Every structure is written in C-alpha cells, then in structure tokens.
Amino acid sequence: MQMPQGMEWIFIVIIIVVIFFGVKKIPELARTFGKAGAEYEKARMEAKREIQQLKSQQSGGGKMGREKLEEIADTLGIDYTNKNDEELRAAIDVELNRTNSNNKK
C-alpha cells in the first residue's frame, strides 16, 4: 500500500475537518481565521507607523523610550527580555522587513 501524496493529503485533511467540525461550522471558522489575520496585519502596520512617527519626531538624535520599544516588540512577537535598546531596535527592524518581504511575495 502506498502513502498518500500531494492532492490526496488535501482531500484527507478536508474530510477530517468536515467530520470534526461539520459543514455548518467551516464558514464560521474561515471568517474567524480571516479576522485574526486582519487584526495581526493591522497591529503590525500600527507598530510600523508608530516607529516611523517617533523617528520623525526625534530626528535630532533623540531615543525612543524603552517602554515603547517593548510595546512594539510585544506586538510583533519579539522577545525583548535580554536585549538592550539598540538590539531591540534592530530586531524590530528585521521583523518589520521580514514581514514586508513575505507580504510582497
């Protein structure tokens, strides 16, 4: 007996989902996943906008407060416990650039 490949796995997963959740629950689940994705994207864009706004306000060499950096890092899912301010700024920039490049593909 052969192992299922490619499209066969998709059909198996669909059958399991229909059995587990039922036909009436699937559209509701899809809407929930869509809303969650939209909320994540909105929070990511808000964090990026706040960073750019603070950079433009503090263009005279000022520094962004640690609390604000931690809030933005938490929004993006970045662990900030063992990072100084510069490392945290770099991690936020990397995460924003990574999510931007993933969205463009």
PDB file of N, CA and C in Angstrom:
ATOM      1  N   MET A   1       0.834  -1.176   0.000  1.00  0.00           N
ATOM      2  CA  MET A   1       0.000   0.000   0.000  1.00  0.00           C
ATOM      3  C   MET A   1       0.884   1.246   0.000  1.00  0.00           C
ATOM      4  N   GLN A   2       0.560   2.192  -0.865  1.00  0.00           N
ATOM      5  CA  GLN A   2       1.351   3.413  -0.974  1.00  0.00           C
ATOM      6  C   GLN A   2       0.863   4.469   0.013  1.00  0.00           C
ATOM      7  N   MET A   3       1.800   5.349   0.363  1.00  0.00           N
ATOM      8  CA  MET A   3       1.456   6.506   1.187  1.00  0.00           C
ATOM      9  C   MET A   3       0.757   7.542   0.314  1.00  0.00           C
ATOM     10  N   PRO A   4      -0.220   8.255   0.869  1.00  0.00           N
ATOM     11  CA  PRO A   4      -0.865   9.327   0.089  1.00  0.00           C
ATOM     12  C   PRO A   4       0.143  10.424  -0.251  1.00  0.00           C
ATOM     13  N   GLN A   5      -0.033  11.019  -1.425  1.00  0.00           N
ATOM     14  CA  GLN A   5       0.875  12.074  -1.870  1.00  0.00           C
ATOM     15  C   GLN A   5       0.067  13.260  -2.373  1.00  0.00           C
ATOM     16  N   GLY A   6       0.657  14.441  -2.254  1.00  0.00           N
ATOM     17  CA  GLY A   6       0.114  15.667  -2.848  1.00  0.00           C
ATOM     18  C   GLY A   6      -1.355  15.923  -2.568  1.00  0.00           C
ATOM     19  N   MET A   7      -2.158  15.860  -3.617  1.00  0.00           N
ATOM     20  CA  MET A   7      -3.585  16.182  -3.551  1.00  0.00           C
ATOM     21  C   MET A   7      -4.346  15.221  -2.639  1.00  0.00           C
ATOM     22  N   GLU A   8      -3.872  13.998  -2.515  1.00  0.00           N
ATOM     23  CA  GLU A   8      -4.554  13.037  -1.645  1.00  0.00           C
ATOM     24  C   GLU A   8      -4.550  13.521  -0.194  1.00  0.00           C
ATOM     25  N   TRP A   9      -3.445  14.148   0.241  1.00  0.00           N
ATOM     26  CA  TRP A   9      -3.378  14.674   1.611  1.00  0.00           C
ATOM     27  C   TRP A   9      -4.387  15.796   1.797  1.00  0.00           C
ATOM     28  N   ILE A  10      -4.558  16.615   0.778  1.00  0.00           N
ATOM     29  CA  ILE A  10      -5.526  17.716   0.873  1.00  0.00           C
ATOM     30  C   ILE A  10      -6.928  17.168   1.062  1.00  0.00           C
ATOM     31  N   PHE A  11      -7.284  16.145   0.289  1.00  0.00           N
ATOM     32  CA  PHE A  11      -8.603  15.537   0.429  1.00  0.00           C
ATOM     33  C   PHE A  11      -8.788  14.899   1.805  1.00  0.00           C
ATOM     34  N   ILE A  12      -7.755  14.255   2.303  1.00  0.00           N
ATOM     35  CA  ILE A  12      -7.833  13.631   3.629  1.00  0.00           C
ATOM     36  C   ILE A  12      -8.047  14.690   4.705  1.00  0.00           C
ATOM     37  N   VAL A  13      -7.309  15.780   4.624  1.00  0.00           N
ATOM     38  CA  VAL A  13      -7.452  16.858   5.611  1.00  0.00           C
ATOM     39  C   VAL A  13      -8.845  17.471   5.530  1.00  0.00           C
ATOM     40  N   ILE A  14      -9.354  17.692   4.330  1.00  0.00           N
ATOM     41  CA  ILE A  14     -10.691  18.266   4.160  1.00  0.00           C
ATOM     42  C   ILE A  14     -11.751  17.348   4.758  1.00  0.00           C
ATOM     43  N   ILE A  15     -11.631  16.065   4.525  1.00  0.00           N
ATOM     44  CA  ILE A  15     -12.594  15.100   5.073  1.00  0.00           C
ATOM     45  C   ILE A  15     -12.544  15.112   6.603  1.00  0.00           C
ATOM     46  N   ILE A  16     -11.337  15.141   7.169  1.00  0.00           N
ATOM     47  CA  ILE A  16     -11.203  15.162   8.628  1.00  0.00           C
ATOM     48  C   ILE A  16     -11.806  16.441   9.207  1.00  0.00           C
ATOM     49  N   VAL A  17     -11.566  17.580   8.561  1.00  0.00           N
ATOM     50  CA  VAL A  17     -12.116  18.853   9.039  1.00  0.00           C
ATOM     51  C   VAL A  17     -13.635  18.830   8.987  1.00  0.00           C
ATOM     52  N   VAL A  18     -14.204  18.299   7.901  1.00  0.00           N
ATOM     53  CA  VAL A  18     -15.661  18.241   7.773  1.00  0.00           C
ATOM     54  C   VAL A  18     -16.250  17.317   8.834  1.00  0.00           C
ATOM     55  N   ILE A  19     -15.599  16.192   9.075  1.00  0.00           N
ATOM     56  CA  ILE A  19     -16.090  15.269  10.103  1.00  0.00           C
ATOM     57  C   ILE A  19     -15.979  15.890  11.491  1.00  0.00           C
ATOM     58  N   PHE A  20     -14.858  16.540  11.748  1.00  0.00           N
ATOM     59  CA  PHE A  20     -14.608  17.090  13.082  1.00  0.00           C
ATOM     60  C   PHE A  20     -15.475  18.309  13.387  1.00  0.00           C
ATOM     61  N   PHE A  21     -15.590  19.243  12.461  1.00  0.00           N
ATOM     62  CA  PHE A  21     -16.305  20.491  12.706  1.00  0.00           C
ATOM     63  C   PHE A  21     -17.718  20.510  12.148  1.00  0.00           C
ATOM     64  N   GLY A  22     -17.981  19.758  11.136  1.00  0.00           N
ATOM     65  CA  GLY A  22     -19.289  19.796  10.500  1.00  0.00           C
ATOM     66  C   GLY A  22     -19.321  20.848   9.404  1.00  0.00           C
ATOM     67  N   VAL A  23     -20.216  20.664   8.469  1.00  0.00           N
ATOM     68  CA  VAL A  23     -20.286  21.535   7.295  1.00  0.00           C
ATOM     69  C   VAL A  23     -20.706  22.952   7.668  1.00  0.00           C
ATOM     70  N   LYS A  24     -21.576  23.111   8.649  1.00  0.00           N
ATOM     71  CA  LYS A  24     -22.083  24.437   9.016  1.00  0.00           C
ATOM     72  C   LYS A  24     -21.037  25.279   9.744  1.00  0.00           C
ATOM     73  N   LYS A  25     -20.073  24.660  10.390  1.00  0.00           N
ATOM     74  CA  LYS A  25     -19.086  25.376  11.195  1.00  0.00           C
ATOM     75  C   LYS A  25     -17.896  25.876  10.362  1.00  0.00           C
ATOM     76  N   ILE A  26     -17.637  25.296   9.219  1.00  0.00           N
ATOM     77  CA  ILE A  26     -16.457  25.635   8.404  1.00  0.00           C
ATOM     78  C   ILE A  26     -16.448  27.105   7.953  1.00  0.00           C
ATOM     79  N   PRO A  27     -17.547  27.664   7.429  1.00  0.00           N
ATOM     80  CA  PRO A  27     -17.503  29.094   7.048  1.00  0.00           C
ATOM     81  C   PRO A  27     -17.227  30.015   8.236  1.00  0.00           C
ATOM     82  N   GLU A  28     -17.771  29.670   9.395  1.00  0.00           N
ATOM     83  CA  GLU A  28     -17.520  30.474  10.589  1.00  0.00           C
ATOM     84  C   GLU A  28     -16.040  30.425  10.983  1.00  0.00           C
ATOM     85  N   LEU A  29     -15.429  29.253  10.886  1.00  0.00           N
ATOM     86  CA  LEU A  29     -14.003  29.119  11.171  1.00  0.00           C
ATOM     87  C   LEU A  29     -13.167  29.928  10.188  1.00  0.00           C
ATOM     88  N   ALA A  30     -13.539  29.900   8.919  1.00  0.00           N
ATOM     89  CA  ALA A  30     -12.807  30.666   7.904  1.00  0.00           C
ATOM     90  C   ALA A  30     -12.888  32.168   8.192  1.00  0.00           C
ATOM     91  N   ARG A  31     -14.067  32.636   8.579  1.00  0.00           N
ATOM     92  CA  ARG A  31     -14.212  34.057   8.924  1.00  0.00           C
ATOM     93  C   ARG A  31     -13.352  34.413  10.138  1.00  0.00           C
ATOM     94  N   THR A  32     -13.325  33.522  11.130  1.00  0.00           N
ATOM     95  CA  THR A  32     -12.525  33.771  12.319  1.00  0.00           C
ATOM     96  C   THR A  32     -11.047  33.870  11.977  1.00  0.00           C
ATOM     97  N   PHE A  33     -10.554  32.941  11.144  1.00  0.00           N
ATOM     98  CA  PHE A  33      -9.153  32.993  10.733  1.00  0.00           C
ATOM     99  C   PHE A  33      -8.868  34.254   9.925  1.00  0.00           C
ATOM    100  N   GLY A  34      -9.786  34.660   9.082  1.00  0.00           N
ATOM    101  CA  GLY A  34      -9.610  35.882   8.310  1.00  0.00           C
ATOM    102  C   GLY A  34      -9.544  37.120   9.187  1.00  0.00           C
ATOM    103  N   LYS A  35     -10.422  37.186  10.186  1.00  0.00           N
ATOM    104  CA  LYS A  35     -10.414  38.322  11.105  1.00  0.00           C
ATOM    105  C   LYS A  35      -9.134  38.355  11.926  1.00  0.00           C
ATOM    106  N   ALA A  36      -8.674  37.194  12.370  1.00  0.00           N
ATOM    107  CA  ALA A  36      -7.429  37.137  13.146  1.00  0.00           C
ATOM    108  C   ALA A  36      -6.251  37.615  12.310  1.00  0.00           C
ATOM    109  N   GLY A  37      -6.194  37.194  11.063  1.00  0.00           N
ATOM    110  CA  GLY A  37      -5.120  37.637  10.175  1.00  0.00           C
ATOM    111  C   GLY A  37      -5.166  39.135   9.931  1.00  0.00           C
ATOM    112  N   ALA A  38      -6.358  39.659   9.764  1.00  0.00           N
ATOM    113  CA  ALA A  38      -6.505  41.102   9.552  1.00  0.00           C
ATOM    114  C   ALA A  38      -6.094  41.892  10.796  1.00  0.00           C
ATOM    115  N   GLU A  39      -6.446  41.404  11.983  1.00  0.00           N
ATOM    116  CA  GLU A  39      -6.050  42.075  13.217  1.00  0.00           C
ATOM    117  C   GLU A  39      -4.530  42.070  13.390  1.00  0.00           C
ATOM    118  N   TYR A  40      -3.897  40.946  13.071  1.00  0.00           N
ATOM    119  CA  TYR A  40      -2.439  40.874  13.158  1.00  0.00           C
ATOM    120  C   TYR A  40      -1.799  41.881  12.205  1.00  0.00           C
ATOM    121  N   GLU A  41      -2.289  41.929  11.000  1.00  0.00           N
ATOM    122  CA  GLU A  41      -1.744  42.854  10.000  1.00  0.00           C
ATOM    123  C   GLU A  41      -1.947  44.306  10.436  1.00  0.00           C
ATOM    124  N   LYS A  42      -3.120  44.602  11.007  1.00  0.00           N
ATOM    125  CA  LYS A  42      -3.392  45.956  11.469  1.00  0.00           C
ATOM    126  C   LYS A  42      -2.441  46.336  12.607  1.00  0.00           C
ATOM    127  N   ALA A  43      -2.208  45.419  13.539  1.00  0.00           N
ATOM    128  CA  ALA A  43      -1.297  45.698  14.654  1.00  0.00           C
ATOM    129  C   ALA A  43       0.134  45.883  14.155  1.00  0.00           C
ATOM    130  N   ARG A  44       0.549  45.098  13.183  1.00  0.00           N
ATOM    131  CA  ARG A  44       1.895  45.219  12.623  1.00  0.00           C
ATOM    132  C   ARG A  44       2.067  46.566  11.933  1.00  0.00           C
ATOM    133  N   MET A  45       1.079  46.969  11.162  1.00  0.00           N
ATOM    134  CA  MET A  45       1.152  48.258  10.464  1.00  0.00           C
ATOM    135  C   MET A  45       1.125  49.416  11.463  1.00  0.00           C
ATOM    136  N   GLU A  46       0.345  49.289  12.526  1.00  0.00           N
ATOM    137  CA  GLU A  46       0.289  50.326  13.553  1.00  0.00           C
ATOM    138  C   GLU A  46       1.645  50.471  14.239  1.00  0.00           C
ATOM    139  N   ALA A  47       2.290  49.350  14.542  1.00  0.00           N
ATOM    140  CA  ALA A  47       3.613  49.402  15.171  1.00  0.00           C
ATOM    141  C   ALA A  47       4.620  50.067  14.238  1.00  0.00           C
ATOM    142  N   LYS A  48       4.564  49.723  12.975  1.00  0.00           N
ATOM    143  CA  LYS A  48       5.482  50.325  11.999  1.00  0.00           C
ATOM    144  C   LYS A  48       5.233  51.833  11.884  1.00  0.00           C
ATOM    145  N   ARG A  49       3.971  52.224  11.866  1.00  0.00           N
ATOM    146  CA  ARG A  49       3.629  53.645  11.770  1.00  0.00           C
ATOM    147  C   ARG A  49       4.118  54.399  13.008  1.00  0.00           C
ATOM    148  N   GLU A  50       3.951  53.797  14.179  1.00  0.00           N
ATOM    149  CA  GLU A  50       4.411  54.440  15.410  1.00  0.00           C
ATOM    150  C   GLU A  50       5.922  54.614  15.421  1.00  0.00           C
ATOM    151  N   ILE A  51       6.643  53.619  14.954  1.00  0.00           N
ATOM    152  CA  ILE A  51       8.101  53.722  14.892  1.00  0.00           C
ATOM    153  C   ILE A  51       8.508  54.860  13.964  1.00  0.00           C
ATOM    154  N   GLN A  52       7.895  54.917  12.791  1.00  0.00           N
ATOM    155  CA  GLN A  52       8.244  55.972  11.843  1.00  0.00           C
ATOM    156  C   GLN A  52       7.870  57.346  12.398  1.00  0.00           C
ATOM    157  N   GLN A  53       6.746  57.429  13.087  1.00  0.00           N
ATOM    158  CA  GLN A  53       6.323  58.702  13.669  1.00  0.00           C
ATOM    159  C   GLN A  53       7.304  59.142  14.753  1.00  0.00           C
ATOM    160  N   LEU A  54       7.714  58.217  15.609  1.00  0.00           N
ATOM    161  CA  LEU A  54       8.664  58.569  16.657  1.00  0.00           C
ATOM    162  C   LEU A  54      10.026  58.934  16.081  1.00  0.00           C
ATOM    163  N   LYS A  55      10.440  58.240  15.025  1.00  0.00           N
ATOM    164  CA  LYS A  55      11.717  58.574  14.382  1.00  0.00           C
ATOM    165  C   LYS A  55      11.666  59.986  13.799  1.00  0.00           C
ATOM    166  N   SER A  56      10.547  60.349  13.193  1.00  0.00           N
ATOM    167  CA  SER A  56      10.450  61.685  12.601  1.00  0.00           C
ATOM    168  C   SER A  56      10.369  62.763  13.680  1.00  0.00           C
ATOM    169  N   GLN A  57       9.736  62.470  14.813  1.00  0.00           N
ATOM    170  CA  GLN A  57       9.649  63.431  15.904  1.00  0.00           C
ATOM    171  C   GLN A  57      10.992  63.614  16.590  1.00  0.00           C
ATOM    172  N   GLN A  58      11.765  62.551  16.660  1.00  0.00           N
ATOM    173  CA  GLN A  58      13.029  62.592  17.382  1.00  0.00           C
ATOM    174  C   GLN A  58      14.220  62.563  16.423  1.00  0.00           C
ATOM    175  N   SER A  59      14.085  63.226  15.304  1.00  0.00           N
ATOM    176  CA  SER A  59      15.155  63.202  14.311  1.00  0.00           C
ATOM    177  C   SER A  59      16.422  63.911  14.784  1.00  0.00           C
ATOM    178  N   GLY A  60      16.352  64.643  15.870  1.00  0.00           N
ATOM    179  CA  GLY A  60      17.513  65.339  16.406  1.00  0.00           C
ATOM    180  C   GLY A  60      18.395  64.446  17.263  1.00  0.00           C
ATOM    181  N   GLY A  61      18.386  63.157  17.025  1.00  0.00           N
ATOM    182  CA  GLY A  61      19.238  62.247  17.780  1.00  0.00           C
ATOM    183  C   GLY A  61      18.589  61.706  19.037  1.00  0.00           C
ATOM    184  N   GLY A  62      17.317  61.993  19.260  1.00  0.00           N
ATOM    185  CA  GLY A  62      16.616  61.503  20.439  1.00  0.00           C
ATOM    186  C   GLY A  62      16.418  59.999  20.388  1.00  0.00           C
ATOM    187  N   LYS A  63      16.145  59.433  21.527  1.00  0.00           N
ATOM    188  CA  LYS A  63      15.959  57.989  21.625  1.00  0.00           C
ATOM    189  C   LYS A  63      14.498  57.679  21.951  1.00  0.00           C
ATOM    190  N   MET A  64      14.022  56.550  21.415  1.00  0.00           N
ATOM    191  CA  MET A  64      12.685  56.075  21.711  1.00  0.00           C
ATOM    192  C   MET A  64      12.711  55.426  23.096  1.00  0.00           C
ATOM    193  N   GLY A  65      11.689  55.662  23.901  1.00  0.00           N
ATOM    194  CA  GLY A  65      11.632  55.116  25.250  1.00  0.00           C
ATOM    195  C   GLY A  65      11.593  53.593  25.270  1.00  0.00           C
ATOM    196  N   ARG A  66      12.173  53.016  26.303  1.00  0.00           N
ATOM    197  CA  ARG A  66      12.230  51.560  26.439  1.00  0.00           C
ATOM    198  C   ARG A  66      10.821  50.956  26.492  1.00  0.00           C
ATOM    199  N   GLU A  67       9.904  51.615  27.169  1.00  0.00           N
ATOM    200  CA  GLU A  67       8.549  51.095  27.269  1.00  0.00           C
ATOM    201  C   GLU A  67       7.897  50.983  25.901  1.00  0.00           C
ATOM    202  N   LYS A  68       8.103  52.000  25.072  1.00  0.00           N
ATOM    203  CA  LYS A  68       7.519  51.994  23.731  1.00  0.00           C
ATOM    204  C   LYS A  68       8.145  50.889  22.883  1.00  0.00           C
ATOM    205  N   LEU A  69       9.467  50.719  22.999  1.00  0.00           N
ATOM    206  CA  LEU A  69      10.138  49.637  22.271  1.00  0.00           C
ATOM    207  C   LEU A  69       9.595  48.275  22.692  1.00  0.00           C
ATOM    208  N   GLU A  70       9.407  48.077  23.992  1.00  0.00           N
ATOM    209  CA  GLU A  70       8.886  46.802  24.478  1.00  0.00           C
ATOM    210  C   GLU A  70       7.456  46.566  24.010  1.00  0.00           C
ATOM    211  N   GLU A  71       6.659  47.625  23.961  1.00  0.00           N
ATOM    212  CA  GLU A  71       5.278  47.501  23.488  1.00  0.00           C
ATOM    213  C   GLU A  71       5.249  47.089  22.016  1.00  0.00           C
ATOM    214  N   ILE A  72       6.093  47.720  21.203  1.00  0.00           N
ATOM    215  CA  ILE A  72       6.156  47.386  19.780  1.00  0.00           C
ATOM    216  C   ILE A  72       6.682  45.972  19.594  1.00  0.00           C
ATOM    217  N   ALA A  73       7.724  45.606  20.348  1.00  0.00           N
ATOM    218  CA  ALA A  73       8.279  44.255  20.256  1.00  0.00           C
ATOM    219  C   ALA A  73       7.247  43.217  20.661  1.00  0.00           C
ATOM    220  N   ASP A  74       6.475  43.500  21.686  1.00  0.00           N
ATOM    221  CA  ASP A  74       5.434  42.570  22.118  1.00  0.00           C
ATOM    222  C   ASP A  74       4.373  42.412  21.037  1.00  0.00           C
ATOM    223  N   THR A  75       4.009  43.510  20.377  1.00  0.00           N
ATOM    224  CA  THR A  75       3.035  43.454  19.288  1.00  0.00           C
ATOM    225  C   THR A  75       3.531  42.573  18.149  1.00  0.00           C
ATOM    226  N   LEU A  76       4.827  42.633  17.872  1.00  0.00           N
ATOM    227  CA  LEU A  76       5.399  41.846  16.776  1.00  0.00           C
ATOM    228  C   LEU A  76       5.821  40.446  17.204  1.00  0.00           C
ATOM    229  N   GLY A  77       5.699  40.134  18.483  1.00  0.00           N
ATOM    230  CA  GLY A  77       6.063  38.804  18.967  1.00  0.00           C
ATOM    231  C   GLY A  77       7.554  38.611  19.148  1.00  0.00           C
ATOM    232  N   ILE A  78       8.272  39.669  19.480  1.00  0.00           N
ATOM    233  CA  ILE A  78       9.724  39.618  19.665  1.00  0.00           C
ATOM    234  C   ILE A  78      10.029  39.529  21.157  1.00  0.00           C
ATOM    235  N   ASP A  79      10.937  38.621  21.531  1.00  0.00           N
ATOM    236  CA  ASP A  79      11.362  38.501  22.929  1.00  0.00           C
ATOM    237  C   ASP A  79      12.358  39.622  23.220  1.00  0.00           C
ATOM    238  N   TYR A  80      12.060  40.480  24.179  1.00  0.00           N
ATOM    239  CA  TYR A  80      12.892  41.641  24.476  1.00  0.00           C
ATOM    240  C   TYR A  80      13.585  41.555  25.827  1.00  0.00           C
ATOM    241  N   THR A  81      13.503  40.415  26.500  1.00  0.00           N
ATOM    242  CA  THR A  81      13.991  40.332  27.871  1.00  0.00           C
ATOM    243  C   THR A  81      15.496  40.538  27.993  1.00  0.00           C
ATOM    244  N   ASN A  82      16.291  39.978  27.107  1.00  0.00           N
ATOM    245  CA  ASN A  82      17.754  40.065  27.234  1.00  0.00           C
ATOM    246  C   ASN A  82      18.375  40.949  26.159  1.00  0.00           C
ATOM    247  N   LYS A  83      17.652  41.973  25.714  1.00  0.00           N
ATOM    248  CA  LYS A  83      18.162  42.857  24.665  1.00  0.00           C
ATOM    249  C   LYS A  83      18.249  44.277  25.190  1.00  0.00           C
ATOM    250  N   ASN A  84      19.326  44.969  24.784  1.00  0.00           N
ATOM    251  CA  ASN A  84      19.394  46.387  25.100  1.00  0.00           C
ATOM    252  C   ASN A  84      18.591  47.151  24.042  1.00  0.00           C
ATOM    253  N   ASP A  85      18.514  48.463  24.160  1.00  0.00           N
ATOM    254  CA  ASP A  85      17.669  49.254  23.268  1.00  0.00           C
ATOM    255  C   ASP A  85      18.086  49.123  21.810  1.00  0.00           C
ATOM    256  N   GLU A  86      19.374  49.164  21.538  1.00  0.00           N
ATOM    257  CA  GLU A  86      19.842  49.067  20.148  1.00  0.00           C
ATOM    258  C   GLU A  86      19.543  47.697  19.547  1.00  0.00           C
ATOM    259  N   GLU A  87      19.771  46.635  20.319  1.00  0.00           N
ATOM    260  CA  GLU A  87      19.462  45.283  19.833  1.00  0.00           C
ATOM    261  C   GLU A  87      17.966  45.132  19.584  1.00  0.00           C
ATOM    262  N   LEU A  88      17.160  45.731  20.443  1.00  0.00           N
ATOM    263  CA  LEU A  88      15.713  45.659  20.292  1.00  0.00           C
ATOM    264  C   LEU A  88      15.254  46.424  19.058  1.00  0.00           C
ATOM    265  N   ARG A  89      15.830  47.610  18.830  1.00  0.00           N
ATOM    266  CA  ARG A  89      15.510  48.359  17.603  1.00  0.00           C
ATOM    267  C   ARG A  89      15.865  47.551  16.361  1.00  0.00           C
ATOM    268  N   ALA A  90      17.035  46.913  16.380  1.00  0.00           N
ATOM    269  CA  ALA A  90      17.471  46.108  15.237  1.00  0.00           C
ATOM    270  C   ALA A  90      16.533  44.915  15.029  1.00  0.00           C
ATOM    271  N   ALA A  91      16.103  44.265  16.102  1.00  0.00           N
ATOM    272  CA  ALA A  91      15.201  43.120  15.983  1.00  0.00           C
ATOM    273  C   ALA A  91      13.837  43.549  15.434  1.00  0.00           C
ATOM    274  N   ILE A  92      13.365  44.722  15.851  1.00  0.00           N
ATOM    275  CA  ILE A  92      12.092  45.241  15.340  1.00  0.00           C
ATOM    276  C   ILE A  92      12.212  45.543  13.852  1.00  0.00           C
ATOM    277  N   ASP A  93      13.310  46.192  13.454  1.00  0.00           N
ATOM    278  CA  ASP A  93      13.519  46.482  12.035  1.00  0.00           C
ATOM    279  C   ASP A  93      13.578  45.210  11.202  1.00  0.00           C
ATOM    280  N   VAL A  94      14.282  44.192  11.701  1.00  0.00           N
ATOM    281  CA  VAL A  94      14.384  42.919  10.981  1.00  0.00           C
ATOM    282  C   VAL A  94      13.007  42.283  10.831  1.00  0.00           C
ATOM    283  N   GLU A  95      12.227  42.267  11.903  1.00  0.00           N
ATOM    284  CA  GLU A  95      10.892  41.664  11.863  1.00  0.00           C
ATOM    285  C   GLU A  95       9.973  42.409  10.904  1.00  0.00           C
ATOM    286  N   LEU A  96      10.019  43.738  10.925  1.00  0.00           N
ATOM    287  CA  LEU A  96       9.190  44.514  10.004  1.00  0.00           C
ATOM    288  C   LEU A  96       9.597  44.271   8.558  1.00  0.00           C
ATOM    289  N   ASN A  97      10.897  44.221   8.290  1.00  0.00           N
ATOM    290  CA  ASN A  97      11.363  43.956   6.930  1.00  0.00           C
ATOM    291  C   ASN A  97      11.015  42.542   6.484  1.00  0.00           C
ATOM    292  N   ARG A  98      11.099  41.576   7.431  1.00  0.00           N
ATOM    293  CA  ARG A  98      10.788  40.179   7.085  1.00  0.00           C
ATOM    294  C   ARG A  98       9.301  40.046   6.756  1.00  0.00           C
ATOM    295  N   THR A  99       8.426  40.649   7.532  1.00  0.00           N
ATOM    296  CA  THR A  99       7.003  40.536   7.267  1.00  0.00           C
ATOM    297  C   THR A  99       6.618  41.317   6.004  1.00  0.00           C
ATOM    298  N   ASN A 100       7.307  42.423   5.731  1.00  0.00           N
ATOM    299  CA  ASN A 100       7.057  43.145   4.490  1.00  0.00           C
ATOM    300  C   ASN A 100       7.444  42.325   3.280  1.00  0.00           C
ATOM    301  N   SER A 101       8.589  41.653   3.338  1.00  0.00           N
ATOM    302  CA  SER A 101       9.021  40.846   2.186  1.00  0.00           C
ATOM    303  C   SER A 101       8.125  39.636   2.013  1.00  0.00           C
ATOM    304  N   ASN A 102       7.590  39.057   3.096  1.00  0.00           N
ATOM    305  CA  ASN A 102       6.670  37.936   2.992  1.00  0.00           C
ATOM    306  C   ASN A 102       5.330  38.373   2.396  1.00  0.00           C
ATOM    307  N   ASN A 103       4.868  39.570   2.707  1.00  0.00           N
ATOM    308  CA  ASN A 103       3.603  40.063   2.187  1.00  0.00           C
ATOM    309  C   ASN A 103       3.684  40.411   0.710  1.00  0.00           C
ATOM    310  N   LYS A 104       4.856  40.791   0.233  1.00  0.00           N
ATOM    311  CA  LYS A 104       5.006  41.166  -1.168  1.00  0.00           C
ATOM    312  C   LYS A 104       5.070  39.965  -2.103  1.00  0.00           C
ATOM    313  N   LYS A 105       5.379  38.793  -1.543  1.00  0.00           N
ATOM    314  CA  LYS A 105       5.509  37.600  -2.391  1.00  0.00           C
ATOM    315  C   LYS A 105       4.195  37.020  -2.764  1.00  0.00           C
TER     316      LYS A 105
END
